[in-house]
Amino acid sequence: MERENAPRLPVKAHSLRIDNREKLSISGVEDVAGFDENMVVLTTALGELTVRGQGLHIGKIDLDAGQLELEGKLVELHYDEPASGGWWSRLFG
């Protein structure tokens, strides 16, 4: 029961800015899980973000500041909810 009363950690600010479907600026990036020219998978403050497109490349990255710029033809952005409760919760949740 103590866990319910424990203070929650603040969520880092997370934002997206898309310019002409060719440039994506993201804040609140915690990690880059994987990337190639058609897909980039990022861990953000608000969940896993998958970006799909064509000719994608990372222009700038600063994980200490949580900033990333992605360039190429943007086709799709998809969020998965952050995992909570560990693997049992993902298995039976």
Foldseek 3Di string as FASTA:
>chain_A
DVVVVDDDDDQDDWDWDDDPQFKIKIAQWQAWPDDDQAWTWTQGSFAIKIWGAGRKDWDDDDNVRRITMIGHRTDDIDGDGHDPDPDVVVVVD
